[in-house]
Amino acid sequence: MELSRVHITRTFSGDLEGESTAELMIAKSGGGGGYVGHDRVTGTLQGRTGGFVFQHTGVMGPDGITNTGAIVPGTGSGDLEGITGEGTMLADEEGNHTLTLEYELASATS
């Protein structure tokens, strides 16, 4: 069994234009592994600029990969204050990560 801690940065393009700094705790064994991570995301989403923290976990084993995540409540900042949602962070064979979010933005105040 191997335990490790990883610090990485990611760049996002698409509906979310921005970047994140992530801390991951990883456990690996011959039969699989798992991780828990937090990404501090900053950027622009639907024309709103700000940030939030996305917490995600994954387990890899003989039956495949399970991955879940959520925006940590209360972490939205700037124009993304009040954002809520859930999603996944998955890596492909080349190591590219895809963040998929189902989210709700707080109503804009005038």
Protein backbone atom coordinates (compact mmCIF):
# COMPACT_ATOMS: atom_id res chain seq x y z
CA MET A 1 0.00 0.00 0.00
CA GLU A 2 1.35 3.41 -0.98
CA LEU A 3 0.08 6.76 0.32
CA SER A 4 1.02 10.03 -1.36
CA ARG A 5 0.12 13.69 -1.47
CA VAL A 6 0.09 15.59 -4.76
CA HIS A 7 -0.13 19.33 -5.48
CA ILE A 8 -1.10 20.18 -9.08
CA THR A 9 -2.44 23.04 -11.16
CA ARG A 10 -5.03 22.66 -13.90
CA THR A 11 -6.26 24.91 -16.71
CA PHE A 12 -9.90 24.78 -17.81
CA SER A 13 -11.44 25.72 -21.14
CA GLY A 14 -15.03 25.52 -22.30
CA ASP A 15 -17.96 26.84 -20.26
CA LEU A 16 -15.46 27.43 -17.44
CA GLU A 17 -12.40 29.44 -18.48
CA GLY A 18 -9.87 29.45 -15.67
CA GLU A 19 -7.50 27.45 -13.55
CA SER A 20 -7.25 25.59 -10.28
CA THR A 21 -4.73 24.65 -7.67
CA ALA A 22 -5.40 21.18 -6.27
CA GLU A 23 -4.29 19.11 -3.29
CA LEU A 24 -4.84 15.36 -3.62
CA MET A 25 -4.33 12.52 -1.15
CA ILE A 26 -3.85 9.22 -3.00
CA ALA A 27 -3.82 5.58 -1.83
CA LYS A 28 -2.56 2.89 -4.24
CA SER A 29 -2.31 -0.86 -3.97
CA GLY A 30 -1.85 -3.70 -6.43
CA GLY A 31 -5.62 -4.11 -6.77
CA GLY A 32 -6.68 -0.48 -7.12
CA GLY A 33 -6.61 2.84 -5.37
CA GLY A 34 -8.50 5.87 -4.28
CA TYR A 35 -8.11 9.59 -3.75
CA VAL A 36 -9.68 12.64 -2.21
CA GLY A 37 -9.00 16.08 -3.61
CA HIS A 38 -9.81 19.76 -3.30
CA ASP A 39 -9.49 22.15 -6.24
CA ARG A 40 -9.52 25.91 -5.64
CA VAL A 41 -11.03 27.03 -8.95
CA THR A 42 -10.82 30.60 -10.27
CA GLY A 43 -12.10 31.85 -13.59
CA THR A 44 -15.14 32.90 -15.57
CA LEU A 45 -18.35 30.87 -15.78
CA GLN A 46 -21.31 32.17 -17.83
CA GLY A 47 -19.69 35.62 -17.89
CA ARG A 48 -19.25 35.70 -14.12
CA THR A 49 -15.76 35.95 -12.66
CA GLY A 50 -14.88 34.44 -9.29
CA GLY A 51 -13.99 31.18 -7.65
CA PHE A 52 -15.08 28.20 -5.58
CA VAL A 53 -13.70 25.01 -4.05
CA PHE A 54 -14.58 21.69 -5.68
CA GLN A 55 -14.19 18.59 -3.45
CA HIS A 56 -14.00 15.22 -5.22
CA THR A 57 -13.23 11.57 -4.48
CA GLY A 58 -12.56 8.53 -6.59
CA VAL A 59 -12.10 4.79 -6.16
CA MET A 60 -10.45 2.60 -8.81
CA GLY A 61 -10.76 -1.17 -8.74
CA PRO A 62 -11.62 -4.25 -10.77
CA ASP A 63 -15.18 -2.99 -11.31
CA GLY A 64 -13.99 0.33 -12.81
CA ILE A 65 -13.90 3.87 -11.47
CA THR A 66 -16.39 5.68 -9.28
CA ASN A 67 -16.02 9.44 -8.94
CA THR A 68 -18.15 12.01 -7.13
CA GLY A 69 -17.73 15.63 -6.23
CA ALA A 70 -19.44 18.78 -5.05
CA ILE A 71 -18.86 22.49 -4.77
CA VAL A 72 -18.11 23.11 -1.10
CA PRO A 73 -20.98 25.26 0.25
CA GLY A 74 -20.04 28.85 1.06
CA THR A 75 -16.80 28.85 -0.96
CA GLY A 76 -18.10 30.84 -3.94
CA SER A 77 -16.40 34.22 -4.31
CA GLY A 78 -16.72 37.26 -6.55
CA ASP A 79 -19.52 36.93 -9.09
CA LEU A 80 -19.73 33.19 -8.24
CA GLU A 81 -20.76 33.82 -4.63
CA GLY A 82 -23.60 31.45 -3.74
CA ILE A 83 -22.76 28.87 -6.43
CA THR A 84 -23.86 25.30 -5.63
CA GLY A 85 -23.52 22.05 -7.50
CA GLU A 86 -22.16 18.57 -7.99
CA GLY A 87 -19.95 16.92 -10.55
CA THR A 88 -16.99 14.74 -11.44
CA MET A 89 -13.28 15.16 -12.19
CA LEU A 90 -12.03 12.38 -14.46
CA ALA A 91 -8.69 11.80 -16.19
CA ASP A 92 -8.26 10.19 -19.60
CA GLU A 93 -5.44 7.87 -20.67
CA GLU A 94 -3.23 10.84 -21.62
CA GLY A 95 -3.68 12.43 -18.18
CA ASN A 96 -6.04 15.21 -19.30
CA HIS A 97 -8.65 16.02 -16.66
CA THR A 98 -12.28 16.87 -17.41
CA LEU A 99 -14.42 18.69 -14.84
CA THR A 100 -18.13 18.08 -15.39
CA LEU A 101 -20.41 20.27 -13.25
CA GLU A 102 -24.14 20.54 -12.74
CA TYR A 103 -24.43 23.86 -10.95
CA GLU A 104 -26.73 26.70 -10.01
CA LEU A 105 -25.62 30.31 -9.85
CA ALA A 106 -27.07 32.69 -7.31
CA SER A 107 -29.34 35.37 -8.74
CA ALA A 108 -27.50 38.52 -9.71
CA THR A 109 -28.30 41.50 -7.50
CA SER A 110 -28.73 44.97 -8.91
